[in-house]
C-alpha atoms as a PDB file:
ATOM      1  CA  MET A   1     -88.520  19.495-113.736  1.00  0.00           C
ATOM      2  CA  LYS A   2     -89.812  17.442-110.815  1.00  0.00           C
ATOM      3  CA  ASN A   3     -89.119  14.230-112.675  1.00  0.00           C
ATOM      4  CA  VAL A   4     -85.565  15.310-113.452  1.00  0.00           C
ATOM      5  CA  LYS A   5     -84.912  16.025-109.764  1.00  0.00           C
ATOM      6  CA  ARG A   6     -86.441  12.698-108.810  1.00  0.00           C
ATOM      7  CA  ILE A   7     -84.322  10.831-111.379  1.00  0.00           C
ATOM      8  CA  GLY A   8     -81.210  12.672-110.174  1.00  0.00           C
ATOM      9  CA  PHE A   9     -81.947  11.759-106.542  1.00  0.00           C
ATOM     10  CA  VAL A  10     -82.466   8.082-107.436  1.00  0.00           C
ATOM     11  CA  ALA A  11     -79.218   8.076-109.450  1.00  0.00           C
ATOM     12  CA  VAL A  12     -77.252   9.517-106.536  1.00  0.00           C
ATOM     13  CA  LEU A  13     -78.857   7.039-104.102  1.00  0.00           C
ATOM     14  CA  LEU A  14     -78.065   4.132-106.441  1.00  0.00           C
ATOM     15  CA  ALA A  15     -74.446   5.300-106.773  1.00  0.00           C
ATOM     16  CA  VAL A  16     -74.060   5.444-102.958  1.00  0.00           C
ATOM     17  CA  VAL A  17     -75.511   1.944-102.504  1.00  0.00           C
ATOM     18  CA  VAL A  18     -73.437   0.403-105.306  1.00  0.00           C
ATOM     19  CA  GLY A  19     -70.333   2.192-104.068  1.00  0.00           C
ATOM     20  CA  GLY A  20     -70.908   0.947-100.528  1.00  0.00           C
ATOM     21  CA  VAL A  21     -71.374  -2.637-101.679  1.00  0.00           C
ATOM     22  CA  TRP A  22     -68.233  -2.424-103.836  1.00  0.00           C
ATOM     23  CA  TYR A  23     -66.234  -0.946-100.942  1.00  0.00           C
ATOM     24  CA  ALA A  24     -67.376  -3.617 -98.500  1.00  0.00           C
ATOM     25  CA  SER A  25     -66.565  -6.460-100.888  1.00  0.00           C
ATOM     26  CA  HIS A  26     -63.201  -4.906-101.705  1.00  0.00           C
ATOM     27  CA  GLN A  27     -62.348  -4.611 -97.996  1.00  0.00           C
ATOM     28  CA  ALA A  28     -63.372  -8.248 -97.361  1.00  0.00           C
ATOM     29  CA  GLN A  29     -61.208  -9.424-100.278  1.00  0.00           C
ATOM     30  CA  ALA A  30     -58.281  -7.367 -99.029  1.00  0.00           C
ATOM     31  CA  GLY A  31     -58.467  -9.068 -95.623  1.00  0.00           C
ATOM     32  CA  ALA A  32     -59.565  -5.953 -93.762  1.00  0.00           C
ATOM     33  CA  PRO A  33     -61.493  -6.618 -90.575  1.00  0.00           C
ATOM     34  CA  THR A  34     -65.238  -6.635 -91.007  1.00  0.00           C
ATOM     35  CA  VAL A  35     -67.760  -5.371 -88.504  1.00  0.00           C
ATOM     36  CA  ALA A  36     -68.186  -8.951 -87.255  1.00  0.00           C
ATOM     37  CA  ASP A  37     -64.417  -9.241 -86.817  1.00  0.00           C
ATOM     38  CA  GLN A  38     -64.376  -6.072 -84.769  1.00  0.00           C
ATOM     39  CA  ALA A  39     -67.081  -7.252 -82.365  1.00  0.00           C
ATOM     40  CA  VAL A  40     -65.985  -7.368 -78.754  1.00  0.00           C
ATOM     41  CA  ALA A  41     -64.998 -10.845 -77.643  1.00  0.00           C
ATOM     42  CA  ALA A  42     -67.149 -12.394 -74.949  1.00  0.00           C
ATOM     43  CA  PRO A  43     -65.671 -11.841 -71.511  1.00  0.00           C
ATOM     44  CA  ALA A  44     -64.090 -14.795 -69.780  1.00  0.00           C
ATOM     45  CA  ALA A  45     -66.181 -16.715 -67.294  1.00  0.00           C
ATOM     46  CA  LEU A  46     -65.676 -15.915 -63.630  1.00  0.00           C
ATOM     47  CA  VAL A  47     -63.507 -18.280 -61.685  1.00  0.00           C
ATOM     48  CA  THR A  48     -65.181 -19.079 -58.399  1.00  0.00           C
ATOM     49  CA  LYS A  49     -64.049 -21.078 -55.419  1.00  0.00           C
ATOM     50  CA  ASP A  50     -66.316 -23.450 -53.577  1.00  0.00           C
ATOM     51  CA  ILE A  51     -66.120 -25.517 -50.432  1.00  0.00           C
ATOM     52  CA  SER A  52     -65.215 -29.157 -50.987  1.00  0.00           C
ATOM     53  CA  LEU A  53     -67.179 -32.002 -49.474  1.00  0.00           C
ATOM     54  CA  ALA A  54     -64.157 -32.893 -47.320  1.00  0.00           C
ATOM     55  CA  GLN A  55     -63.995 -29.315 -45.974  1.00  0.00           C
ATOM     56  CA  ALA A  56     -67.748 -29.258 -45.305  1.00  0.00           C
ATOM     57  CA  GLN A  57     -67.605 -32.573 -43.455  1.00  0.00           C
ATOM     58  CA  ALA A  58     -64.583 -31.402 -41.436  1.00  0.00           C
ATOM     59  CA  ALA A  59     -66.497 -28.265 -40.413  1.00  0.00           C
ATOM     60  CA  VAL A  60     -69.467 -30.356 -39.304  1.00  0.00           C
ATOM     61  CA  ALA A  61     -67.192 -32.749 -37.365  1.00  0.00           C
ATOM     62  CA  ALA A  62     -65.453 -29.869 -35.576  1.00  0.00           C
ATOM     63  CA  ALA A  63     -68.796 -28.268 -34.747  1.00  0.00           C
ATOM     64  CA  VAL A  64     -70.185 -31.561 -33.405  1.00  0.00           C
ATOM     65  CA  ALA A  65     -67.073 -31.991 -31.242  1.00  0.00           C
ATOM     66  CA  LYS A  66     -67.511 -28.463 -29.827  1.00  0.00           C
ATOM     67  CA  ALA A  67     -71.223 -29.077 -29.193  1.00  0.00           C
ATOM     68  CA  GLU A  68     -70.395 -32.279 -27.325  1.00  0.00           C
ATOM     69  CA  ALA A  69     -67.770 -30.426 -25.280  1.00  0.00           C
ATOM     70  CA  THR A  70     -70.356 -27.788 -24.333  1.00  0.00           C
ATOM     71  CA  LYS A  71     -72.974 -30.487 -23.674  1.00  0.00           C
ATOM     72  CA  THR A  72     -75.389 -29.088 -26.260  1.00  0.00           C
ATOM     73  CA  LYS A  73     -77.408 -30.813 -28.977  1.00  0.00           C
ATOM     74  CA  MET A  74     -77.145 -28.972 -32.269  1.00  0.00           C
ATOM     75  CA  ASP A  75     -78.289 -28.975 -35.847  1.00  0.00           C
ATOM     76  CA  ILE A  76     -75.349 -28.009 -38.071  1.00  0.00           C
ATOM     77  CA  ALA A  77     -75.629 -26.996 -41.734  1.00  0.00           C
ATOM     78  CA  VAL A  78     -72.814 -26.215 -44.163  1.00  0.00           C
ATOM     79  CA  ILE A  79     -73.691 -24.649 -47.503  1.00  0.00           C
ATOM     80  CA  ASP A  80     -71.533 -24.063 -50.571  1.00  0.00           C
ATOM     81  CA  ALA A  81     -70.700 -20.770 -52.281  1.00  0.00           C
ATOM     82  CA  GLY A  82     -74.017 -20.895 -54.155  1.00  0.00           C
ATOM     83  CA  GLY A  83     -76.084 -21.323 -50.994  1.00  0.00           C
ATOM     84  CA  ASN A  84     -76.788 -25.031 -51.517  1.00  0.00           C
ATOM     85  CA  LEU A  85     -76.647 -27.561 -48.696  1.00  0.00           C
ATOM     86  CA  LYS A  86     -73.304 -29.398 -48.752  1.00  0.00           C
ATOM     87  CA  ALA A  87     -73.192 -31.177 -45.366  1.00  0.00           C
ATOM     88  CA  PHE A  88     -75.554 -31.487 -42.428  1.00  0.00           C
ATOM     89  CA  ALA A  89     -75.739 -33.146 -39.013  1.00  0.00           C
ATOM     90  CA  ARG A  90     -78.589 -33.355 -36.570  1.00  0.00           C
ATOM     91  CA  MET A  91     -77.179 -34.496 -33.286  1.00  0.00           C
ATOM     92  CA  ASP A  92     -79.237 -37.027 -31.340  1.00  0.00           C
ATOM     93  CA  GLY A  93     -81.898 -35.162 -29.406  1.00  0.00           C
ATOM     94  CA  ALA A  94     -81.448 -31.856 -31.262  1.00  0.00           C
ATOM     95  CA  TRP A  95     -84.645 -29.920 -31.854  1.00  0.00           C
ATOM     96  CA  LEU A  96     -86.445 -30.550 -35.128  1.00  0.00           C
ATOM     97  CA  GLY A  97     -87.296 -26.858 -35.418  1.00  0.00           C
ATOM     98  CA  SER A  98     -83.606 -25.998 -35.385  1.00  0.00           C
ATOM     99  CA  ILE A  99     -82.969 -27.799 -38.685  1.00  0.00           C
ATOM    100  CA  ASP A 100     -84.509 -24.977 -40.691  1.00  0.00           C
ATOM    101  CA  ILE A 101     -82.963 -22.333 -38.460  1.00  0.00           C
ATOM    102  CA  ALA A 102     -79.448 -23.762 -38.918  1.00  0.00           C
ATOM    103  CA  MET A 103     -79.852 -23.815 -42.693  1.00  0.00           C
ATOM    104  CA  LYS A 104     -81.221 -20.247 -42.750  1.00  0.00           C
ATOM    105  CA  LYS A 105     -78.420 -18.983 -40.510  1.00  0.00           C
ATOM    106  CA  ALA A 106     -75.908 -20.446 -42.975  1.00  0.00           C
ATOM    107  CA  LYS A 107     -77.728 -18.897 -45.940  1.00  0.00           C
ATOM    108  CA  THR A 108     -77.937 -15.526 -44.203  1.00  0.00           C
ATOM    109  CA  ALA A 109     -74.179 -15.599 -43.589  1.00  0.00           C
ATOM    110  CA  ARG A 110     -73.469 -16.588 -47.204  1.00  0.00           C
ATOM    111  CA  TYR A 111     -75.921 -14.263 -48.908  1.00  0.00           C
ATOM    112  CA  PHE A 112     -74.341 -11.258 -47.189  1.00  0.00           C
ATOM    113  CA  ASP A 113     -70.838 -12.646 -46.466  1.00  0.00           C
ATOM    114  CA  MET A 114     -71.043 -11.635 -42.823  1.00  0.00           C
ATOM    115  CA  PRO A 115     -72.057 -13.299 -39.563  1.00  0.00           C
ATOM    116  CA  SER A 116     -75.809 -13.691 -39.157  1.00  0.00           C
ATOM    117  CA  GLY A 117     -75.561 -11.828 -35.834  1.00  0.00           C
ATOM    118  CA  THR A 118     -74.161  -8.792 -37.656  1.00  0.00           C
ATOM    119  CA  ILE A 119     -77.228  -8.784 -39.887  1.00  0.00           C
ATOM    120  CA  GLY A 120     -79.285  -8.858 -36.684  1.00  0.00           C
ATOM    121  CA  THR A 121     -77.570  -5.748 -35.378  1.00  0.00           C
ATOM    122  CA  LEU A 122     -78.147  -3.922 -38.658  1.00  0.00           C
ATOM    123  CA  SER A 123     -81.783  -5.013 -38.959  1.00  0.00           C
ATOM    124  CA  GLN A 124     -83.077  -3.542 -35.705  1.00  0.00           C
ATOM    125  CA  PRO A 125     -85.882  -0.946 -35.917  1.00  0.00           C
ATOM    126  CA  GLY A 126     -84.360   2.251 -37.251  1.00  0.00           C
ATOM    127  CA  GLY A 127     -81.334   0.347 -38.580  1.00  0.00           C
ATOM    128  CA  PRO A 128     -80.201   0.414 -42.200  1.00  0.00           C
ATOM    129  CA  LEU A 129     -81.423  -3.150 -42.867  1.00  0.00           C
ATOM    130  CA  PHE A 130     -84.662  -3.074 -40.874  1.00  0.00           C
ATOM    131  CA  ASN A 131     -86.962  -5.945 -41.992  1.00  0.00           C
ATOM    132  CA  ILE A 132     -84.311  -7.619 -44.169  1.00  0.00           C
ATOM    133  CA  GLU A 133     -85.115 -10.937 -42.483  1.00  0.00           C
ATOM    134  CA  HIS A 134     -88.257 -11.054 -44.627  1.00  0.00           C
ATOM    135  CA  SER A 135     -86.231 -11.210 -47.838  1.00  0.00           C
ATOM    136  CA  ASN A 136     -84.771 -14.300 -49.540  1.00  0.00           C
ATOM    137  CA  ASN A 137     -87.540 -16.596 -48.284  1.00  0.00           C
ATOM    138  CA  GLY A 138     -86.632 -15.716 -44.722  1.00  0.00           C
ATOM    139  CA  LEU A 139     -83.315 -14.972 -43.085  1.00  0.00           C
ATOM    140  CA  ILE A 140     -82.222 -15.588 -39.517  1.00  0.00           C
ATOM    141  CA  SER A 141     -80.710 -12.465 -38.052  1.00  0.00           C
ATOM    142  CA  PHE A 142     -79.212 -13.687 -34.794  1.00  0.00           C
ATOM    143  CA  PRO A 143     -75.840 -15.355 -34.067  1.00  0.00           C
ATOM    144  CA  GLY A 144     -74.960 -18.847 -35.226  1.00  0.00           C
ATOM    145  CA  GLY A 145     -74.244 -18.327 -38.938  1.00  0.00           C
ATOM    146  CA  LEU A 146     -70.720 -17.599 -40.209  1.00  0.00           C
ATOM    147  CA  PRO A 147     -69.144 -17.298 -43.654  1.00  0.00           C
ATOM    148  CA  LEU A 148     -66.517 -19.927 -44.446  1.00  0.00           C
ATOM    149  CA  LYS A 149     -63.384 -18.570 -46.090  1.00  0.00           C
ATOM    150  CA  ALA A 150     -60.506 -20.084 -48.018  1.00  0.00           C
ATOM    151  CA  ALA A 151     -56.934 -19.262 -47.005  1.00  0.00           C
ATOM    152  CA  ASP A 152     -56.939 -16.267 -49.377  1.00  0.00           C
ATOM    153  CA  GLY A 153     -60.088 -14.823 -47.757  1.00  0.00           C
ATOM    154  CA  THR A 154     -62.499 -15.845 -50.523  1.00  0.00           C
ATOM    155  CA  VAL A 155     -65.913 -16.848 -49.155  1.00  0.00           C
ATOM    156  CA  ILE A 156     -66.483 -20.471 -50.186  1.00  0.00           C
ATOM    157  CA  GLY A 157     -69.599 -21.264 -48.164  1.00  0.00           C
ATOM    158  CA  ALA A 158     -71.117 -20.803 -44.722  1.00  0.00           C
ATOM    159  CA  ILE A 159     -72.002 -22.710 -41.572  1.00  0.00           C
ATOM    160  CA  GLY A 160     -75.174 -22.345 -39.553  1.00  0.00           C
ATOM    161  CA  VAL A 161     -75.805 -23.825 -36.103  1.00  0.00           C
ATOM    162  CA  SER A 162     -78.958 -23.932 -34.012  1.00  0.00           C
ATOM    163  CA  GLY A 163     -80.106 -25.799 -30.921  1.00  0.00           C
ATOM    164  CA  SER A 164     -79.081 -23.840 -27.844  1.00  0.00           C
ATOM    165  CA  THR A 165     -78.548 -20.228 -26.863  1.00  0.00           C
ATOM    166  CA  VAL A 166     -77.353 -17.906 -29.608  1.00  0.00           C
ATOM    167  CA  GLU A 167     -74.041 -17.620 -27.757  1.00  0.00           C
ATOM    168  CA  ASN A 168     -73.585 -21.410 -27.822  1.00  0.00           C
ATOM    169  CA  ASP A 169     -74.760 -21.565 -31.434  1.00  0.00           C
ATOM    170  CA  HIS A 170     -72.108 -18.990 -32.382  1.00  0.00           C
ATOM    171  CA  THR A 171     -69.360 -20.790 -30.413  1.00  0.00           C
ATOM    172  CA  VAL A 172     -70.123 -24.094 -32.135  1.00  0.00           C
ATOM    173  CA  ALA A 173     -70.305 -22.436 -35.568  1.00  0.00           C
ATOM    174  CA  ALA A 174     -66.944 -20.737 -34.936  1.00  0.00           C
ATOM    175  CA  ALA A 175     -65.362 -24.115 -34.122  1.00  0.00           C
ATOM    176  CA  GLY A 176     -66.609 -25.447 -37.460  1.00  0.00           C
ATOM    177  CA  ALA A 177     -65.447 -22.363 -39.361  1.00  0.00           C
ATOM    178  CA  GLU A 178     -62.000 -22.542 -37.792  1.00  0.00           C
ATOM    179  CA  VAL A 179     -61.087 -25.807 -39.565  1.00  0.00           C
ATOM    180  CA  VAL A 180     -61.929 -24.524 -43.044  1.00  0.00           C
ATOM    181  CA  LYS A 181     -58.938 -22.852 -44.669  1.00  0.00           C
END
């Protein structure tokens, strides 16, 4: 009796498998969509905007002009949307130590799409971003870094300025940001 049950089970299993194979081949021949056909199409790639070299150089030139007008010697960094250096100027006599600071101010502004000084306000002891300056290989959380935006408001890069007081750094960065549209 056990063998009869076993043979019956195998027969039913074989009928299901053969039936499934026949059904699948019949559907494929009839042009019905297969599982592969029904797979979700890959989503389209994101379209991103980035600062052009001409825009980056114009921002640096405007910042240098503002620094000269304020009689300061600045290091000025412009980065692209991905946080990579796009244009840079070290004015004659500007501090060597400010090179890294200018680049980090720009990266801080780009990584968070807000002025570096705003990050500074939020990162004070007891603030919601306390100690954030230790992330991303070091951020600079005082004024002088600003996001650069296209005419439609899309962030396309950032500018960072260092070499004087944070107020002067911010003023010079704002002059550079103003020409990028």
